[in-house]
Amino acid sequence: MPPSSERLFFPDHSACRTLTATLYDELSQQPIEGRERDFVAGEALWLPHDPADSVCFLRAGQVSVTREDSHGHEVILHVVGPDELFGELCFCSREGGRRNTTARSVGFARAVCLSYSGFLGALRAMPELLEAAVQSFCVRLSDLEERIDVLARQSAEDRIGHLLLHLAASKGEPASEDGAALVRASHDTLARMAAMSRSHVTVTMGRFRQRGLVDYARRTPLTVHLAALREYLADLPDRRRDGP
């Protein structure tokens, strides 16, 4: 593990992946029993009524963590990527507490889950691991605060635009051209993350594509032109006053 001074600054949320990989490496070297298994597409890792008694690390694939809103619509709280820690809210649960969320694999996924007591024992035994865990939880909290900011935005363009910027910063990949990022999220995924209808998202994304803010095609990642999208969103208040 790198010296402490090198682990205290994270310029963006992609550092969470490196950090949780380090967490897993530390745990894998300890005599802690974990349950590693494979999941097929759509298989549940846990359901709302399941006990919140374990912490998981994703080794491959993706997992979506969702909750139903008051209308029974599924809202994505978090999409977990490889080497990320998830299920950490078991630390907030009282004894006998339940998940109250659903975690499902997106395509094939492989995860290892450690019992709450086993993970807590490792944290107590290894101060450097405890420090890394606290930093990981802080990154996740910051990520959720940004999602709340996205959901607080009223117009569809403002909400979807800022969601795309958030996903590009936290999970995006560099595109072949400067000032662009690849985001692997379907319109359905964007709709469930933004608490909007699929049709509303598709109309909004069509407007963005016409204005050259995004590019996409079937079975390919979204290309988000970051500078152009930021400029467009910054001008939204004036555009609402002046008309389309």
Protein backbone atom coordinates (compact mmCIF):
# COMPACT_ATOMS: atom_id res chain seq x y z
CA MET A 1 0.00 0.00 0.00
CA PRO A 2 1.40 3.48 -0.85
CA PRO A 3 2.40 5.88 1.93
CA SER A 4 -0.43 7.62 3.74
CA SER A 5 0.35 11.02 2.20
CA GLU A 6 -0.25 9.59 -1.28
CA ARG A 7 -3.70 8.31 -0.43
CA LEU A 8 -5.29 11.43 1.01
CA PHE A 9 -6.08 13.31 -2.20
CA PHE A 10 -8.51 12.10 -4.83
CA PRO A 11 -8.94 14.42 -7.87
CA ASP A 12 -12.07 12.60 -9.08
CA HIS A 13 -14.37 9.71 -8.20
CA SER A 14 -12.55 7.22 -10.40
CA ALA A 15 -10.05 6.93 -7.53
CA CYS A 16 -12.69 4.91 -5.69
CA ARG A 17 -11.99 1.96 -7.99
CA THR A 18 -8.28 1.99 -7.19
CA LEU A 19 -8.98 2.41 -3.50
CA THR A 20 -11.42 -0.47 -3.25
CA ALA A 21 -9.07 -2.67 -5.26
CA THR A 22 -6.47 -1.93 -2.60
CA LEU A 23 -9.00 -2.82 0.08
CA TYR A 24 -9.66 -6.16 -1.57
CA ASP A 25 -5.95 -6.91 -1.95
CA GLU A 26 -5.43 -6.24 1.74
CA LEU A 27 -8.32 -8.48 2.73
CA SER A 28 -7.32 -11.27 0.35
CA GLN A 29 -4.02 -11.59 2.18
CA GLN A 30 -5.75 -12.10 5.51
CA PRO A 31 -7.26 -15.35 6.84
CA ILE A 32 -10.82 -14.01 6.45
CA GLU A 33 -13.42 -16.31 5.00
CA GLY A 34 -15.38 -14.79 2.12
CA ARG A 35 -18.06 -16.17 -0.17
CA GLU A 36 -17.16 -15.63 -3.84
CA ARG A 37 -19.68 -16.60 -6.49
CA ASP A 38 -20.84 -15.85 -10.01
CA PHE A 39 -24.18 -14.25 -10.92
CA VAL A 40 -26.04 -14.42 -14.22
CA ALA A 41 -27.71 -11.39 -15.80
CA GLY A 42 -30.56 -10.07 -13.66
CA GLU A 43 -29.80 -12.32 -10.69
CA ALA A 44 -30.28 -10.72 -7.27
CA LEU A 45 -27.35 -10.47 -4.88
CA TRP A 46 -29.83 -9.33 -2.25
CA LEU A 47 -33.46 -8.25 -1.96
CA PRO A 48 -35.06 -5.56 0.25
CA HIS A 49 -36.06 -7.98 3.01
CA ASP A 50 -32.62 -9.66 3.21
CA PRO A 51 -30.52 -9.00 6.33
CA ALA A 52 -27.86 -6.28 6.05
CA ASP A 53 -25.04 -8.42 7.38
CA SER A 54 -22.25 -8.37 4.77
CA VAL A 55 -19.96 -6.18 2.68
CA CYS A 56 -19.21 -7.13 -0.93
CA PHE A 57 -16.47 -6.48 -3.47
CA LEU A 58 -17.24 -6.76 -7.17
CA ARG A 59 -14.57 -8.70 -9.02
CA ALA A 60 -16.10 -8.55 -12.53
CA GLY A 61 -19.15 -7.17 -14.31
CA GLN A 62 -21.61 -4.60 -12.98
CA VAL A 63 -24.24 -4.56 -10.24
CA SER A 64 -27.08 -2.04 -9.93
CA VAL A 65 -28.36 -1.12 -6.47
CA THR A 66 -31.97 0.09 -6.68
CA ARG A 67 -34.91 1.17 -4.55
CA GLU A 68 -38.59 1.61 -5.42
CA ASP A 69 -40.04 5.11 -5.21
CA SER A 70 -43.49 5.95 -3.85
CA HIS A 71 -45.06 5.07 -7.22
CA GLY A 72 -43.41 1.65 -7.40
CA HIS A 73 -40.87 2.74 -10.03
CA GLU A 74 -37.34 1.42 -9.69
CA VAL A 75 -34.68 4.12 -9.16
CA ILE A 76 -30.99 3.28 -9.50
CA LEU A 77 -29.05 4.46 -6.46
CA HIS A 78 -25.67 3.22 -7.61
CA VAL A 79 -24.08 1.20 -10.39
CA VAL A 80 -21.15 -0.77 -9.01
CA GLY A 81 -18.13 -1.42 -11.23
CA PRO A 82 -15.26 -3.92 -10.96
CA ASP A 83 -13.17 -3.74 -7.77
CA GLU A 84 -15.70 -1.51 -6.02
CA LEU A 85 -16.93 -2.00 -2.48
CA PHE A 86 -20.70 -2.11 -1.95
CA GLY A 87 -23.18 -3.11 0.71
CA GLU A 88 -21.35 -0.93 3.23
CA LEU A 89 -24.64 0.41 4.61
CA CYS A 90 -24.73 -2.68 6.81
CA PHE A 91 -22.64 -0.49 9.14
CA CYS A 92 -25.62 1.83 9.51
CA SER A 93 -28.11 -0.93 10.20
CA ARG A 94 -29.21 -1.97 13.64
CA GLU A 95 -28.90 -5.61 14.59
CA GLY A 96 -31.41 -7.52 12.51
CA GLY A 97 -31.73 -4.64 10.03
CA ARG A 98 -32.75 -5.24 6.42
CA ARG A 99 -31.21 -4.08 3.15
CA ASN A 100 -34.29 -2.13 1.95
CA THR A 101 -32.68 -2.09 -1.52
CA THR A 102 -32.19 -4.57 -4.35
CA ALA A 103 -28.81 -5.44 -5.86
CA ARG A 104 -28.88 -7.18 -9.26
CA SER A 105 -26.16 -8.18 -11.69
CA VAL A 106 -26.05 -6.32 -15.01
CA GLY A 107 -24.96 -9.13 -17.27
CA PHE A 108 -22.46 -11.60 -15.79
CA ALA A 109 -20.96 -10.58 -12.45
CA ARG A 110 -18.58 -12.08 -9.90
CA ALA A 111 -18.54 -10.86 -6.30
CA VAL A 112 -17.04 -11.85 -2.98
CA CYS A 113 -18.98 -11.04 0.18
CA LEU A 114 -17.52 -10.86 3.67
CA SER A 115 -19.55 -11.02 6.83
CA TYR A 116 -20.00 -7.81 8.78
CA SER A 117 -18.06 -9.28 11.73
CA GLY A 118 -15.22 -10.51 9.50
CA PHE A 119 -14.82 -7.18 7.75
CA LEU A 120 -15.04 -5.26 11.03
CA GLY A 121 -12.40 -7.55 12.55
CA ALA A 122 -10.06 -6.80 9.65
CA LEU A 123 -10.56 -3.06 10.10
CA ARG A 124 -9.73 -3.33 13.79
CA ALA A 125 -6.61 -5.40 13.11
CA MET A 126 -5.21 -3.19 10.32
CA PRO A 127 -5.21 0.59 10.91
CA GLU A 128 -4.09 1.25 7.32
CA LEU A 129 -7.10 -0.69 6.05
CA LEU A 130 -9.41 1.31 8.31
CA GLU A 131 -8.00 4.54 6.88
CA ALA A 132 -8.56 3.30 3.32
CA ALA A 133 -12.11 2.22 4.18
CA VAL A 134 -12.98 5.63 5.63
CA GLN A 135 -11.66 7.31 2.49
CA SER A 136 -13.69 4.93 0.32
CA PHE A 137 -16.87 5.70 2.27
CA CYS A 138 -16.19 9.43 1.94
CA VAL A 139 -15.82 9.12 -1.84
CA ARG A 140 -19.10 7.18 -1.98
CA LEU A 141 -20.83 9.83 0.17
CA SER A 142 -19.58 12.59 -2.12
CA ASP A 143 -20.83 10.59 -5.11
CA LEU A 144 -24.30 10.31 -3.57
CA GLU A 145 -24.38 14.03 -2.77
CA GLU A 146 -23.73 14.76 -6.44
CA ARG A 147 -26.58 12.41 -7.38
CA ILE A 148 -28.88 14.33 -5.03
CA ASP A 149 -27.85 17.55 -6.77
CA VAL A 150 -28.78 15.96 -10.11
CA LEU A 151 -32.19 14.84 -8.84
CA ALA A 152 -32.90 18.31 -7.43
CA ARG A 153 -32.74 19.85 -10.90
CA GLN A 154 -36.17 20.55 -12.36
CA SER A 155 -35.83 20.59 -16.15
CA ALA A 156 -35.13 17.39 -18.09
CA GLU A 157 -32.14 18.90 -19.92
CA ASP A 158 -30.60 20.21 -16.71
CA ARG A 159 -31.07 16.88 -14.92
CA ILE A 160 -29.88 14.59 -17.72
CA GLY A 161 -27.04 16.92 -18.66
CA HIS A 162 -25.64 17.04 -15.15
CA LEU A 163 -26.14 13.29 -14.75
CA LEU A 164 -24.02 12.73 -17.87
CA LEU A 165 -21.29 15.01 -16.51
CA HIS A 166 -21.40 13.17 -13.20
CA LEU A 167 -21.14 9.75 -14.87
CA ALA A 168 -18.32 10.96 -17.12
CA ALA A 169 -16.36 12.16 -14.07
CA SER A 170 -17.00 9.13 -11.88
CA LYS A 171 -17.14 6.22 -14.33
CA GLY A 172 -16.32 7.60 -17.77
CA GLU A 173 -13.52 6.56 -20.09
CA PRO A 174 -11.45 8.88 -22.32
CA ALA A 175 -12.74 9.10 -25.89
CA SER A 176 -10.51 9.19 -28.94
CA GLU A 177 -11.03 12.94 -29.29
CA ASP A 178 -10.04 15.66 -26.82
CA GLY A 179 -12.69 16.95 -24.47
CA ALA A 180 -14.94 13.90 -24.69
CA ALA A 181 -15.67 10.87 -22.52
CA LEU A 182 -17.35 7.51 -23.07
CA VAL A 183 -20.22 6.66 -20.74
CA ARG A 184 -21.60 3.12 -20.70
CA ALA A 185 -25.24 3.74 -19.82
CA SER A 186 -28.37 2.98 -21.82
CA HIS A 187 -31.35 5.33 -22.02
CA ASP A 188 -33.16 2.95 -19.68
CA THR A 189 -30.33 3.17 -17.14
CA LEU A 190 -30.24 6.96 -17.40
CA ALA A 191 -34.01 7.09 -16.88
CA ARG A 192 -33.81 4.97 -13.72
CA MET A 193 -30.87 7.00 -12.37
CA ALA A 194 -32.62 10.31 -13.06
CA ALA A 195 -36.08 9.15 -11.85
CA MET A 196 -37.57 9.99 -15.25
CA SER A 197 -39.51 8.05 -17.88
CA ARG A 198 -37.57 6.27 -20.62
CA SER A 199 -39.43 8.24 -23.32
CA HIS A 200 -38.58 11.57 -21.67
CA VAL A 201 -34.90 10.63 -21.55
CA THR A 202 -34.91 9.51 -25.19
CA VAL A 203 -36.43 12.84 -26.32
CA THR A 204 -33.90 14.80 -24.25
CA MET A 205 -30.95 12.78 -25.53
CA GLY A 206 -32.19 13.32 -29.09
CA ARG A 207 -32.04 17.08 -28.50
CA PHE A 208 -28.54 16.77 -27.09
CA ARG A 209 -27.41 14.78 -30.14
CA GLN A 210 -28.90 17.34 -32.54
CA ARG A 211 -26.90 20.05 -30.77
CA GLY A 212 -23.66 18.04 -30.93
CA LEU A 213 -23.45 17.54 -27.18
CA VAL A 214 -23.52 13.72 -27.33
CA ASP A 215 -23.13 10.96 -29.89
CA TYR A 216 -24.54 7.45 -29.59
CA ALA A 217 -25.62 4.44 -31.58
CA ARG A 218 -27.05 1.03 -30.80
CA ARG A 219 -24.68 -1.24 -28.81
CA THR A 220 -22.03 1.46 -28.40
CA PRO A 221 -21.15 3.70 -25.44
CA LEU A 222 -22.35 7.28 -25.29
CA THR A 223 -19.80 9.88 -26.30
CA VAL A 224 -20.24 12.99 -24.15
CA HIS A 225 -18.63 16.20 -25.42
CA LEU A 226 -17.84 17.62 -22.02
CA ALA A 227 -16.88 21.23 -22.80
CA ALA A 228 -19.84 21.73 -25.12
CA LEU A 229 -22.27 20.18 -22.63
CA ARG A 230 -20.98 22.29 -19.74
CA GLU A 231 -21.31 25.46 -21.84
CA TYR A 232 -24.83 24.50 -22.90
CA LEU A 233 -25.94 23.80 -19.31
CA ALA A 234 -24.39 27.05 -18.08
CA ASP A 235 -26.53 28.96 -20.61
CA LEU A 236 -29.78 27.15 -19.75
CA PRO A 237 -31.20 29.91 -17.48
CA ASP A 238 -30.72 32.52 -20.23
CA ARG A 239 -32.12 30.15 -22.84
CA ARG A 240 -35.30 29.64 -20.80
CA ARG A 241 -35.83 33.40 -20.67
CA ASP A 242 -35.07 33.98 -24.35
CA GLY A 243 -36.85 30.92 -25.75
CA PRO A 244 -35.43 28.00 -27.83
